[in-house]
PDB file of N, CA and C in Angstrom:
ATOM      1  N   MET A   1       0.858  -1.169   0.000  1.00  0.00           N
ATOM      2  CA  MET A   1       0.000   0.000   0.000  1.00  0.00           C
ATOM      3  C   MET A   1       0.897   1.221   0.000  1.00  0.00           C
ATOM      4  N   SER A   2       0.859   1.956  -1.058  1.00  0.00           N
ATOM      5  CA  SER A   2       1.693   3.138  -1.154  1.00  0.00           C
ATOM      6  C   SER A   2       1.099   4.270  -0.323  1.00  0.00           C
ATOM      7  N   GLN A   3       1.971   5.021   0.297  1.00  0.00           N
ATOM      8  CA  GLN A   3       1.546   6.005   1.282  1.00  0.00           C
ATOM      9  C   GLN A   3       0.660   7.128   0.751  1.00  0.00           C
ATOM     10  N   ALA A   4       0.835   7.549  -0.486  1.00  0.00           N
ATOM     11  CA  ALA A   4       0.075   8.698  -0.972  1.00  0.00           C
ATOM     12  C   ALA A   4      -0.913   8.341  -2.078  1.00  0.00           C
ATOM     13  N   VAL A   5      -0.993   7.103  -2.445  1.00  0.00           N
ATOM     14  CA  VAL A   5      -1.876   6.707  -3.539  1.00  0.00           C
ATOM     15  C   VAL A   5      -3.294   6.545  -3.001  1.00  0.00           C
ATOM     16  N   PRO A   6      -4.277   7.168  -3.645  1.00  0.00           N
ATOM     17  CA  PRO A   6      -5.660   7.054  -3.178  1.00  0.00           C
ATOM     18  C   PRO A   6      -6.173   5.611  -3.267  1.00  0.00           C
ATOM     19  N   VAL A   7      -7.104   5.293  -2.393  1.00  0.00           N
ATOM     20  CA  VAL A   7      -7.693   3.953  -2.327  1.00  0.00           C
ATOM     21  C   VAL A   7      -8.212   3.517  -3.691  1.00  0.00           C
ATOM     22  N   ASP A   8      -8.977   4.353  -4.342  1.00  0.00           N
ATOM     23  CA  ASP A   8      -9.573   3.969  -5.618  1.00  0.00           C
ATOM     24  C   ASP A   8      -8.514   3.688  -6.679  1.00  0.00           C
ATOM     25  N   SER A   9      -7.397   4.396  -6.641  1.00  0.00           N
ATOM     26  CA  SER A   9      -6.318   4.127  -7.597  1.00  0.00           C
ATOM     27  C   SER A   9      -5.718   2.747  -7.364  1.00  0.00           C
ATOM     28  N   ILE A  10      -5.518   2.389  -6.112  1.00  0.00           N
ATOM     29  CA  ILE A  10      -4.969   1.073  -5.784  1.00  0.00           C
ATOM     30  C   ILE A  10      -5.914  -0.022  -6.264  1.00  0.00           C
ATOM     31  N   VAL A  11      -7.178   0.107  -5.936  1.00  0.00           N
ATOM     32  CA  VAL A  11      -8.165  -0.911  -6.314  1.00  0.00           C
ATOM     33  C   VAL A  11      -8.331  -0.958  -7.831  1.00  0.00           C
ATOM     34  N   ASN A  12      -8.320   0.185  -8.491  1.00  0.00           N
ATOM     35  CA  ASN A  12      -8.445   0.203  -9.953  1.00  0.00           C
ATOM     36  C   ASN A  12      -7.264  -0.496 -10.624  1.00  0.00           C
ATOM     37  N   ARG A  13      -6.079  -0.337 -10.086  1.00  0.00           N
ATOM     38  CA  ARG A  13      -4.905  -1.001 -10.660  1.00  0.00           C
ATOM     39  C   ARG A  13      -5.013  -2.513 -10.489  1.00  0.00           C
ATOM     40  N   ILE A  14      -5.468  -2.948  -9.339  1.00  0.00           N
ATOM     41  CA  ILE A  14      -5.665  -4.384  -9.109  1.00  0.00           C
ATOM     42  C   ILE A  14      -6.753  -4.902 -10.040  1.00  0.00           C
ATOM     43  N   SER A  15      -7.777  -4.107 -10.250  1.00  0.00           N
ATOM     44  CA  SER A  15      -8.856  -4.477 -11.170  1.00  0.00           C
ATOM     45  C   SER A  15      -8.324  -4.626 -12.597  1.00  0.00           C
ATOM     46  N   MET A  16      -7.478  -3.704 -13.020  1.00  0.00           N
ATOM     47  CA  MET A  16      -6.898  -3.777 -14.362  1.00  0.00           C
ATOM     48  C   MET A  16      -6.073  -5.052 -14.536  1.00  0.00           C
ATOM     49  N   ILE A  17      -5.280  -5.384 -13.544  1.00  0.00           N
ATOM     50  CA  ILE A  17      -4.468  -6.605 -13.598  1.00  0.00           C
ATOM     51  C   ILE A  17      -5.376  -7.831 -13.660  1.00  0.00           C
ATOM     52  N   THR A  18      -6.410  -7.832 -12.836  1.00  0.00           N
ATOM     53  CA  THR A  18      -7.352  -8.952 -12.808  1.00  0.00           C
ATOM     54  C   THR A  18      -7.995  -9.163 -14.176  1.00  0.00           C
ATOM     55  N   ARG A  19      -8.493  -8.094 -14.764  1.00  0.00           N
ATOM     56  CA  ARG A  19      -9.146  -8.202 -16.077  1.00  0.00           C
ATOM     57  C   ARG A  19      -8.160  -8.641 -17.162  1.00  0.00           C
ATOM     58  N   LYS A  20      -6.934  -8.153 -17.089  1.00  0.00           N
ATOM     59  CA  LYS A  20      -5.904  -8.521 -18.074  1.00  0.00           C
ATOM     60  C   LYS A  20      -5.592 -10.012 -17.988  1.00  0.00           C
ATOM     61  N   VAL A  21      -5.397 -10.533 -16.777  1.00  0.00           N
ATOM     62  CA  VAL A  21      -5.101 -11.956 -16.626  1.00  0.00           C
ATOM     63  C   VAL A  21      -6.287 -12.798 -17.087  1.00  0.00           C
ATOM     64  N   LYS A  22      -7.492 -12.381 -16.715  1.00  0.00           N
ATOM     65  CA  LYS A  22      -8.688 -13.124 -17.146  1.00  0.00           C
ATOM     66  C   LYS A  22      -8.801 -13.155 -18.671  1.00  0.00           C
ATOM     67  N   ALA A  23      -8.499 -12.051 -19.318  1.00  0.00           N
ATOM     68  CA  ALA A  23      -8.596 -11.986 -20.781  1.00  0.00           C
ATOM     69  C   ALA A  23      -7.506 -12.805 -21.458  1.00  0.00           C
ATOM     70  N   ASP A  24      -6.299 -12.725 -20.945  1.00  0.00           N
ATOM     71  CA  ASP A  24      -5.159 -13.391 -21.579  1.00  0.00           C
ATOM     72  C   ASP A  24      -5.026 -14.858 -21.192  1.00  0.00           C
ATOM     73  N   SER A  25      -5.582 -15.225 -20.058  1.00  0.00           N
ATOM     74  CA  SER A  25      -5.433 -16.597 -19.566  1.00  0.00           C
ATOM     75  C   SER A  25      -6.710 -17.027 -18.843  1.00  0.00           C
ATOM     76  N   PRO A  26      -7.782 -17.227 -19.588  1.00  0.00           N
ATOM     77  CA  PRO A  26      -9.082 -17.491 -18.965  1.00  0.00           C
ATOM     78  C   PRO A  26      -9.139 -18.746 -18.106  1.00  0.00           C
ATOM     79  N   ALA A  27      -8.234 -19.678 -18.284  1.00  0.00           N
ATOM     80  CA  ALA A  27      -8.251 -20.901 -17.472  1.00  0.00           C
ATOM     81  C   ALA A  27      -7.520 -20.727 -16.136  1.00  0.00           C
ATOM     82  N   THR A  28      -6.856 -19.601 -15.955  1.00  0.00           N
ATOM     83  CA  THR A  28      -6.108 -19.360 -14.719  1.00  0.00           C
ATOM     84  C   THR A  28      -7.062 -19.081 -13.575  1.00  0.00           C
ATOM     85  N   LYS A  29      -6.852 -19.764 -12.467  1.00  0.00           N
ATOM     86  CA  LYS A  29      -7.650 -19.519 -11.267  1.00  0.00           C
ATOM     87  C   LYS A  29      -7.012 -18.345 -10.523  1.00  0.00           C
ATOM     88  N   LEU A  30      -7.768 -17.275 -10.382  1.00  0.00           N
ATOM     89  CA  LEU A  30      -7.240 -16.053  -9.774  1.00  0.00           C
ATOM     90  C   LEU A  30      -7.648 -15.912  -8.320  1.00  0.00           C
ATOM     91  N   TYR A  31      -6.764 -15.295  -7.564  1.00  0.00           N
ATOM     92  CA  TYR A  31      -6.999 -14.995  -6.160  1.00  0.00           C
ATOM     93  C   TYR A  31      -6.615 -13.541  -5.914  1.00  0.00           C
ATOM     94  N   ILE A  32      -7.463 -12.840  -5.210  1.00  0.00           N
ATOM     95  CA  ILE A  32      -7.126 -11.509  -4.711  1.00  0.00           C
ATOM     96  C   ILE A  32      -6.995 -11.653  -3.210  1.00  0.00           C
ATOM     97  N   GLN A  33      -5.831 -11.273  -2.705  1.00  0.00           N
ATOM     98  CA  GLN A  33      -5.601 -11.363  -1.265  1.00  0.00           C
ATOM     99  C   GLN A  33      -5.796  -9.992  -0.625  1.00  0.00           C
ATOM    100  N   SER A  34      -6.299 -10.005   0.587  1.00  0.00           N
ATOM    101  CA  SER A  34      -6.469  -8.747   1.304  1.00  0.00           C
ATOM    102  C   SER A  34      -5.108  -8.122   1.595  1.00  0.00           C
ATOM    103  N   ILE A  35      -5.146  -6.834   1.825  1.00  0.00           N
ATOM    104  CA  ILE A  35      -3.963  -6.128   2.298  1.00  0.00           C
ATOM    105  C   ILE A  35      -3.802  -6.492   3.775  1.00  0.00           C
ATOM    106  N   LEU A  36      -2.577  -6.677   4.198  1.00  0.00           N
ATOM    107  CA  LEU A  36      -2.309  -7.021   5.592  1.00  0.00           C
ATOM    108  C   LEU A  36      -2.493  -5.810   6.509  1.00  0.00           C
ATOM    109  N   PRO A  37      -2.828  -6.061   7.768  1.00  0.00           N
ATOM    110  CA  PRO A  37      -2.929  -4.950   8.716  1.00  0.00           C
ATOM    111  C   PRO A  37      -1.550  -4.350   8.986  1.00  0.00           C
ATOM    112  N   VAL A  38      -1.548  -3.186   9.586  1.00  0.00           N
ATOM    113  CA  VAL A  38      -0.318  -2.516  10.000  1.00  0.00           C
ATOM    114  C   VAL A  38      -0.424  -2.217  11.494  1.00  0.00           C
ATOM    115  N   ASN A  39       0.676  -1.786  12.058  1.00  0.00           N
ATOM    116  CA  ASN A  39       0.706  -1.480  13.482  1.00  0.00           C
ATOM    117  C   ASN A  39       1.763  -0.407  13.703  1.00  0.00           C
ATOM    118  N   ASP A  40       1.469   0.574  14.524  1.00  0.00           N
ATOM    119  CA  ASP A  40       2.427   1.653  14.778  1.00  0.00           C
ATOM    120  C   ASP A  40       3.317   1.374  15.997  1.00  0.00           C
ATOM    121  N   HIS A  41       3.321   0.163  16.480  1.00  0.00           N
ATOM    122  CA  HIS A  41       4.030  -0.215  17.701  1.00  0.00           C
ATOM    123  C   HIS A  41       5.518   0.149  17.672  1.00  0.00           C
ATOM    124  N   PHE A  42       6.180  -0.061  16.562  1.00  0.00           N
ATOM    125  CA  PHE A  42       7.626   0.142  16.485  1.00  0.00           C
ATOM    126  C   PHE A  42       8.005   1.558  16.049  1.00  0.00           C
ATOM    127  N   ASN A  43       7.017   2.406  15.786  1.00  0.00           N
ATOM    128  CA  ASN A  43       7.260   3.784  15.344  1.00  0.00           C
ATOM    129  C   ASN A  43       8.155   3.854  14.111  1.00  0.00           C
ATOM    130  N   MET A  44       7.943   2.916  13.203  1.00  0.00           N
ATOM    131  CA  MET A  44       8.679   2.895  11.935  1.00  0.00           C
ATOM    132  C   MET A  44       7.661   2.971  10.802  1.00  0.00           C
ATOM    133  N   PHE A  45       8.077   3.459   9.654  1.00  0.00           N
ATOM    134  CA  PHE A  45       7.219   3.512   8.469  1.00  0.00           C
ATOM    135  C   PHE A  45       5.880   4.180   8.787  1.00  0.00           C
ATOM    136  N   THR A  46       5.922   5.253   9.556  1.00  0.00           N
ATOM    137  CA  THR A  46       4.680   5.862  10.029  1.00  0.00           C
ATOM    138  C   THR A  46       3.792   6.366   8.899  1.00  0.00           C
ATOM    139  N   SER A  47       4.375   6.720   7.759  1.00  0.00           N
ATOM    140  CA  SER A  47       3.528   7.157   6.644  1.00  0.00           C
ATOM    141  C   SER A  47       2.657   6.003   6.138  1.00  0.00           C
ATOM    142  N   HIS A  48       3.038   4.777   6.449  1.00  0.00           N
ATOM    143  CA  HIS A  48       2.240   3.598   6.111  1.00  0.00           C
ATOM    144  C   HIS A  48       1.447   3.101   7.310  1.00  0.00           C
ATOM    145  N   THR A  49       2.117   2.990   8.443  1.00  0.00           N
ATOM    146  CA  THR A  49       1.496   2.323   9.589  1.00  0.00           C
ATOM    147  C   THR A  49       0.402   3.139  10.251  1.00  0.00           C
ATOM    148  N   LEU A  50       0.315   4.401   9.945  1.00  0.00           N
ATOM    149  CA  LEU A  50      -0.779   5.214  10.481  1.00  0.00           C
ATOM    150  C   LEU A  50      -1.998   5.202   9.556  1.00  0.00           C
ATOM    151  N   ARG A  51      -1.957   4.395   8.513  1.00  0.00           N
ATOM    152  CA  ARG A  51      -3.055   4.329   7.530  1.00  0.00           C
ATOM    153  C   ARG A  51      -3.877   3.053   7.696  1.00  0.00           C
ATOM    154  N   GLY A  52      -4.024   2.562   8.900  1.00  0.00           N
ATOM    155  CA  GLY A  52      -4.771   1.331   9.146  1.00  0.00           C
ATOM    156  C   GLY A  52      -6.193   1.366   8.642  1.00  0.00           C
ATOM    157  N   GLU A  53      -6.860   2.500   8.764  1.00  0.00           N
ATOM    158  CA  GLU A  53      -8.235   2.617   8.274  1.00  0.00           C
ATOM    159  C   GLU A  53      -8.284   2.522   6.750  1.00  0.00           C
ATOM    160  N   VAL A  54      -7.249   3.011   6.101  1.00  0.00           N
ATOM    161  CA  VAL A  54      -7.180   2.938   4.645  1.00  0.00           C
ATOM    162  C   VAL A  54      -7.065   1.475   4.210  1.00  0.00           C
ATOM    163  N   VAL A  55      -6.297   0.690   4.941  1.00  0.00           N
ATOM    164  CA  VAL A  55      -6.156  -0.740   4.643  1.00  0.00           C
ATOM    165  C   VAL A  55      -7.527  -1.407   4.669  1.00  0.00           C
ATOM    166  N   LYS A  56      -8.304  -1.121   5.698  1.00  0.00           N
ATOM    167  CA  LYS A  56      -9.641  -1.724   5.803  1.00  0.00           C
ATOM    168  C   LYS A  56     -10.539  -1.280   4.647  1.00  0.00           C
ATOM    169  N   GLU A  57     -10.436  -0.033   4.232  1.00  0.00           N
ATOM    170  CA  GLU A  57     -11.237   0.453   3.106  1.00  0.00           C
ATOM    171  C   GLU A  57     -10.825  -0.244   1.806  1.00  0.00           C
ATOM    172  N   ILE A  58      -9.528  -0.394   1.593  1.00  0.00           N
ATOM    173  CA  ILE A  58      -9.054  -1.112   0.403  1.00  0.00           C
ATOM    174  C   ILE A  58      -9.595  -2.534   0.413  1.00  0.00           C
ATOM    175  N   ASN A  59      -9.507  -3.185   1.553  1.00  0.00           N
ATOM    176  CA  ASN A  59      -9.971  -4.573   1.638  1.00  0.00           C
ATOM    177  C   ASN A  59     -11.465  -4.697   1.347  1.00  0.00           C
ATOM    178  N   ARG A  60     -12.266  -3.764   1.833  1.00  0.00           N
ATOM    179  CA  ARG A  60     -13.704  -3.788   1.515  1.00  0.00           C
ATOM    180  C   ARG A  60     -13.922  -3.698   0.007  1.00  0.00           C
ATOM    181  N   LYS A  61     -13.155  -2.843  -0.632  1.00  0.00           N
ATOM    182  CA  LYS A  61     -13.296  -2.673  -2.078  1.00  0.00           C
ATOM    183  C   LYS A  61     -12.731  -3.871  -2.834  1.00  0.00           C
ATOM    184  N   LEU A  62     -11.722  -4.527  -2.294  1.00  0.00           N
ATOM    185  CA  LEU A  62     -11.185  -5.730  -2.936  1.00  0.00           C
ATOM    186  C   LEU A  62     -12.183  -6.884  -2.861  1.00  0.00           C
ATOM    187  N   ILE A  63     -12.917  -6.964  -1.761  1.00  0.00           N
ATOM    188  CA  ILE A  63     -13.969  -7.987  -1.655  1.00  0.00           C
ATOM    189  C   ILE A  63     -14.996  -7.770  -2.767  1.00  0.00           C
ATOM    190  N   ALA A  64     -15.427  -6.528  -2.928  1.00  0.00           N
ATOM    191  CA  ALA A  64     -16.411  -6.208  -3.971  1.00  0.00           C
ATOM    192  C   ALA A  64     -15.840  -6.489  -5.364  1.00  0.00           C
ATOM    193  N   LEU A  65     -14.571  -6.164  -5.568  1.00  0.00           N
ATOM    194  CA  LEU A  65     -13.924  -6.427  -6.851  1.00  0.00           C
ATOM    195  C   LEU A  65     -13.899  -7.925  -7.139  1.00  0.00           C
ATOM    196  N   ALA A  66     -13.512  -8.716  -6.170  1.00  0.00           N
ATOM    197  CA  ALA A  66     -13.450 -10.172  -6.354  1.00  0.00           C
ATOM    198  C   ALA A  66     -14.825 -10.725  -6.710  1.00  0.00           C
ATOM    199  N   GLU A  67     -15.849 -10.246  -6.026  1.00  0.00           N
ATOM    200  CA  GLU A  67     -17.215 -10.704  -6.329  1.00  0.00           C
ATOM    201  C   GLU A  67     -17.625 -10.296  -7.741  1.00  0.00           C
ATOM    202  N   ARG A  68     -17.345  -9.058  -8.079  1.00  0.00           N
ATOM    203  CA  ARG A  68     -17.733  -8.525  -9.395  1.00  0.00           C
ATOM    204  C   ARG A  68     -17.011  -9.272 -10.521  1.00  0.00           C
ATOM    205  N   GLU A  69     -15.747  -9.611 -10.312  1.00  0.00           N
ATOM    206  CA  GLU A  69     -14.956 -10.264 -11.349  1.00  0.00           C
ATOM    207  C   GLU A  69     -15.036 -11.785 -11.292  1.00  0.00           C
ATOM    208  N   GLY A  70     -15.699 -12.316 -10.264  1.00  0.00           N
ATOM    209  CA  GLY A  70     -15.825 -13.766 -10.148  1.00  0.00           C
ATOM    210  C   GLY A  70     -14.516 -14.465  -9.832  1.00  0.00           C
ATOM    211  N   VAL A  71     -13.680 -13.816  -9.028  1.00  0.00           N
ATOM    212  CA  VAL A  71     -12.416 -14.426  -8.613  1.00  0.00           C
ATOM    213  C   VAL A  71     -12.446 -14.674  -7.106  1.00  0.00           C
ATOM    214  N   ASN A  72     -11.513 -15.444  -6.636  1.00  0.00           N
ATOM    215  CA  ASN A  72     -11.450 -15.824  -5.227  1.00  0.00           C
ATOM    216  C   ASN A  72     -10.810 -14.722  -4.389  1.00  0.00           C
ATOM    217  N   TYR A  73     -11.386 -14.454  -3.244  1.00  0.00           N
ATOM    218  CA  TYR A  73     -10.836 -13.480  -2.301  1.00  0.00           C
ATOM    219  C   TYR A  73     -10.288 -14.240  -1.098  1.00  0.00           C
ATOM    220  N   ILE A  74      -9.083 -13.899  -0.693  1.00  0.00           N
ATOM    221  CA  ILE A  74      -8.475 -14.510   0.488  1.00  0.00           C
ATOM    222  C   ILE A  74      -8.310 -13.441   1.561  1.00  0.00           C
ATOM    223  N   ASP A  75      -8.980 -13.631   2.670  1.00  0.00           N
ATOM    224  CA  ASP A  75      -8.885 -12.708   3.802  1.00  0.00           C
ATOM    225  C   ASP A  75      -7.656 -13.070   4.630  1.00  0.00           C
ATOM    226  N   LEU A  76      -6.602 -12.320   4.455  1.00  0.00           N
ATOM    227  CA  LEU A  76      -5.417 -12.467   5.296  1.00  0.00           C
ATOM    228  C   LEU A  76      -5.519 -11.552   6.519  1.00  0.00           C
ATOM    229  N   PHE A  77      -6.144 -10.405   6.307  1.00  0.00           N
ATOM    230  CA  PHE A  77      -6.208  -9.348   7.326  1.00  0.00           C
ATOM    231  C   PHE A  77      -6.608  -9.889   8.694  1.00  0.00           C
ATOM    232  N   SER A  78      -7.718 -10.588   8.756  1.00  0.00           N
ATOM    233  CA  SER A  78      -8.238 -11.018  10.064  1.00  0.00           C
ATOM    234  C   SER A  78      -7.348 -12.049  10.741  1.00  0.00           C
ATOM    235  N   HIS A  79      -6.536 -12.743   9.976  1.00  0.00           N
ATOM    236  CA  HIS A  79      -5.639 -13.748  10.555  1.00  0.00           C
ATOM    237  C   HIS A  79      -4.385 -13.131  11.179  1.00  0.00           C
ATOM    238  N   PHE A  80      -4.089 -11.888  10.830  1.00  0.00           N
ATOM    239  CA  PHE A  80      -2.855 -11.251  11.281  1.00  0.00           C
ATOM    240  C   PHE A  80      -3.080 -10.133  12.300  1.00  0.00           C
ATOM    241  N   THR A  81      -4.302  -9.950  12.755  1.00  0.00           N
ATOM    242  CA  THR A  81      -4.572  -8.875  13.706  1.00  0.00           C
ATOM    243  C   THR A  81      -4.413  -9.353  15.147  1.00  0.00           C
ATOM    244  N   GLU A  82      -4.124  -8.391  16.021  1.00  0.00           N
ATOM    245  CA  GLU A  82      -4.098  -8.668  17.459  1.00  0.00           C
ATOM    246  C   GLU A  82      -5.525  -8.961  17.904  1.00  0.00           C
ATOM    247  N   PRO A  83      -5.705  -9.836  18.868  1.00  0.00           N
ATOM    248  CA  PRO A  83      -7.067 -10.106  19.369  1.00  0.00           C
ATOM    249  C   PRO A  83      -7.757  -8.815  19.808  1.00  0.00           C
ATOM    250  N   GLY A  84      -8.972  -8.612  19.316  1.00  0.00           N
ATOM    251  CA  GLY A  84      -9.752  -7.438  19.686  1.00  0.00           C
ATOM    252  C   GLY A  84      -9.284  -6.145  19.045  1.00  0.00           C
ATOM    253  N   SER A  85      -8.466  -6.233  18.006  1.00  0.00           N
ATOM    254  CA  SER A  85      -7.895  -5.040  17.387  1.00  0.00           C
ATOM    255  C   SER A  85      -7.844  -5.229  15.874  1.00  0.00           C
ATOM    256  N   ASP A  86      -7.665  -4.132  15.161  1.00  0.00           N
ATOM    257  CA  ASP A  86      -7.440  -4.194  13.712  1.00  0.00           C
ATOM    258  C   ASP A  86      -5.977  -3.940  13.376  1.00  0.00           C
ATOM    259  N   LYS A  87      -5.114  -4.014  14.372  1.00  0.00           N
ATOM    260  CA  LYS A  87      -3.682  -3.783  14.164  1.00  0.00           C
ATOM    261  C   LYS A  87      -2.948  -5.099  13.951  1.00  0.00           C
ATOM    262  N   MET A  88      -1.860  -5.037  13.198  1.00  0.00           N
ATOM    263  CA  MET A  88      -1.017  -6.203  12.973  1.00  0.00           C
ATOM    264  C   MET A  88      -0.534  -6.740  14.313  1.00  0.00           C
ATOM    265  N   ASP A  89      -0.682  -8.033  14.499  1.00  0.00           N
ATOM    266  CA  ASP A  89      -0.161  -8.702  15.697  1.00  0.00           C
ATOM    267  C   ASP A  89       1.357  -8.642  15.615  1.00  0.00           C
ATOM    268  N   ILE A  90       1.993  -8.066  16.626  1.00  0.00           N
ATOM    269  CA  ILE A  90       3.443  -7.852  16.559  1.00  0.00           C
ATOM    270  C   ILE A  90       4.242  -9.156  16.590  1.00  0.00           C
ATOM    271  N   ARG A  91       3.575 -10.277  16.822  1.00  0.00           N
ATOM    272  CA  ARG A  91       4.286 -11.561  16.706  1.00  0.00           C
ATOM    273  C   ARG A  91       4.707 -11.821  15.264  1.00  0.00           C
ATOM    274  N   TYR A  92       4.034 -11.180  14.309  1.00  0.00           N
ATOM    275  CA  TYR A  92       4.271 -11.465  12.902  1.00  0.00           C
ATOM    276  C   TYR A  92       5.079 -10.389  12.177  1.00  0.00           C
ATOM    277  N   THR A  93       5.642  -9.452  12.918  1.00  0.00           N
ATOM    278  CA  THR A  93       6.388  -8.367  12.290  1.00  0.00           C
ATOM    279  C   THR A  93       7.509  -7.888  13.216  1.00  0.00           C
ATOM    280  N   ASN A  94       8.550  -7.349  12.611  1.00  0.00           N
ATOM    281  CA  ASN A  94       9.628  -6.731  13.381  1.00  0.00           C
ATOM    282  C   ASN A  94       9.643  -5.219  13.228  1.00  0.00           C
ATOM    283  N   ASP A  95       8.760  -4.715  12.358  1.00  0.00           N
ATOM    284  CA  ASP A  95       8.791  -3.282  12.085  1.00  0.00           C
ATOM    285  C   ASP A  95       7.409  -2.650  11.917  1.00  0.00           C
ATOM    286  N   SER A  96       6.353  -3.413  12.174  1.00  0.00           N
ATOM    287  CA  SER A  96       4.967  -2.944  12.102  1.00  0.00           C
ATOM    288  C   SER A  96       4.370  -2.946  10.703  1.00  0.00           C
ATOM    289  N   LEU A  97       5.175  -3.263   9.690  1.00  0.00           N
ATOM    290  CA  LEU A  97       4.695  -3.210   8.314  1.00  0.00           C
ATOM    291  C   LEU A  97       4.959  -4.509   7.560  1.00  0.00           C
ATOM    292  N   HIS A  98       6.168  -5.013   7.657  1.00  0.00           N
ATOM    293  CA  HIS A  98       6.570  -6.199   6.910  1.00  0.00           C
ATOM    294  C   HIS A  98       6.479  -7.445   7.788  1.00  0.00           C
ATOM    295  N   LEU A  99       6.158  -8.566   7.158  1.00  0.00           N
ATOM    296  CA  LEU A  99       6.096  -9.815   7.908  1.00  0.00           C
ATOM    297  C   LEU A  99       7.492 -10.313   8.253  1.00  0.00           C
ATOM    298  N   ASN A 100       7.574 -10.999   9.386  1.00  0.00           N
ATOM    299  CA  ASN A 100       8.800 -11.709   9.754  1.00  0.00           C
ATOM    300  C   ASN A 100       8.634 -13.168   9.327  1.00  0.00           C
ATOM    301  N   GLY A 101       9.575 -14.014   9.675  1.00  0.00           N
ATOM    302  CA  GLY A 101       9.506 -15.415   9.284  1.00  0.00           C
ATOM    303  C   GLY A 101       8.246 -16.106   9.758  1.00  0.00           C
ATOM    304  N   GLU A 102       7.870 -15.872  11.015  1.00  0.00           N
ATOM    305  CA  GLU A 102       6.645 -16.480  11.547  1.00  0.00           C
ATOM    306  C   GLU A 102       5.419 -16.009  10.775  1.00  0.00           C
ATOM    307  N   GLY A 103       5.433 -14.747  10.378  1.00  0.00           N
ATOM    308  CA  GLY A 103       4.317 -14.212   9.601  1.00  0.00           C
ATOM    309  C   GLY A 103       4.200 -14.867   8.238  1.00  0.00           C
ATOM    310  N   TYR A 104       5.328 -15.075   7.581  1.00  0.00           N
ATOM    311  CA  TYR A 104       5.288 -15.738   6.277  1.00  0.00           C
ATOM    312  C   TYR A 104       4.834 -17.179   6.384  1.00  0.00           C
ATOM    313  N   LEU A 105       5.237 -17.863   7.443  1.00  0.00           N
ATOM    314  CA  LEU A 105       4.775 -19.238   7.650  1.00  0.00           C
ATOM    315  C   LEU A 105       3.266 -19.274   7.864  1.00  0.00           C
ATOM    316  N   LYS A 106       2.747 -18.296   8.596  1.00  0.00           N
ATOM    317  CA  LYS A 106       1.302 -18.213   8.805  1.00  0.00           C
ATOM    318  C   LYS A 106       0.588 -17.968   7.472  1.00  0.00           C
ATOM    319  N   TRP A 107       1.149 -17.084   6.652  1.00  0.00           N
ATOM    320  CA  TRP A 107       0.578 -16.784   5.343  1.00  0.00           C
ATOM    321  C   TRP A 107       0.472 -18.071   4.509  1.00  0.00           C
ATOM    322  N   VAL A 108       1.536 -18.848   4.501  1.00  0.00           N
ATOM    323  CA  VAL A 108       1.516 -20.120   3.773  1.00  0.00           C
ATOM    324  C   VAL A 108       0.419 -21.034   4.324  1.00  0.00           C
ATOM    325  N   ASP A 109       0.297 -21.105   5.642  1.00  0.00           N
ATOM    326  CA  ASP A 109      -0.723 -21.956   6.255  1.00  0.00           C
ATOM    327  C   ASP A 109      -2.133 -21.549   5.845  1.00  0.00           C
ATOM    328  N   ILE A 110      -2.348 -20.267   5.612  1.00  0.00           N
ATOM    329  CA  ILE A 110      -3.667 -19.760   5.208  1.00  0.00           C
ATOM    330  C   ILE A 110      -3.922 -20.040   3.737  1.00  0.00           C
ATOM    331  N   VAL A 111      -2.953 -19.735   2.906  1.00  0.00           N
ATOM    332  CA  VAL A 111      -3.147 -19.764   1.457  1.00  0.00           C
ATOM    333  C   VAL A 111      -3.051 -21.183   0.875  1.00  0.00           C
ATOM    334  N   LYS A 112      -2.129 -21.964   1.348  1.00  0.00           N
ATOM    335  CA  LYS A 112      -1.875 -23.273   0.750  1.00  0.00           C
ATOM    336  C   LYS A 112      -3.119 -24.156   0.641  1.00  0.00           C
ATOM    337  N   PRO A 113      -3.905 -24.312   1.687  1.00  0.00           N
ATOM    338  CA  PRO A 113      -5.097 -25.165   1.535  1.00  0.00           C
ATOM    339  C   PRO A 113      -6.099 -24.622   0.519  1.00  0.00           C
ATOM    340  N   LEU A 114      -6.152 -23.309   0.359  1.00  0.00           N
ATOM    341  CA  LEU A 114      -7.108 -22.719  -0.568  1.00  0.00           C
ATOM    342  C   LEU A 114      -6.712 -22.956  -2.019  1.00  0.00           C
ATOM    343  N   ILE A 115      -5.423 -22.913  -2.297  1.00  0.00           N
ATOM    344  CA  ILE A 115      -4.997 -23.091  -3.696  1.00  0.00           C
ATOM    345  C   ILE A 115      -4.851 -24.570  -4.052  1.00  0.00           C
ATOM    346  N   GLU A 116      -4.860 -25.430  -3.047  1.00  0.00           N
ATOM    347  CA  GLU A 116      -4.773 -26.857  -3.322  1.00  0.00           C
ATOM    348  C   GLU A 116      -6.150 -27.507  -3.499  1.00  0.00           C
ATOM    349  N   GLU A 117      -7.210 -26.732  -3.335  1.00  0.00           N
ATOM    350  CA  GLU A 117      -8.575 -27.269  -3.496  1.00  0.00           C
ATOM    351  C   GLU A 117      -8.837 -27.727  -4.904  1.00  0.00           C
TER     352      GLU A 117
END
C-alpha cells in the first residue's frame, strides 16, 4: 500500500491486472488477497502504519472487486490482527509493516489449503 496513492487508484490497478489476466489466460484460477494490517508499535514507516483505516477500506473494495470479477478473495487481514484489534499482531512483524519469518509461515498456512482445493 503506497503512502500517498488514493484507495480507488490502488483498487483500480488491481482491477486492471485482474481483467488482463482473465482476458489473456481465462483458465487461470485467480486470487485476490487482502492487504495485511499494520501497526504503529515500532514507530517505523509511520507514513504507512498510520493508515490502518485505509487498509480496511481497500480490503472492503477488494472484496467487492473479487465478487464482481468472479475471482477468489483470500482474507489475510483477520488472521494477522491482534485479538480485539485491527492492528497487525506484533508476533508477525519486526517493524509494524513487513512480515517476519513467523508471519510468512502463517501466510503459507492460510493460502496453501485454498490453492490446493
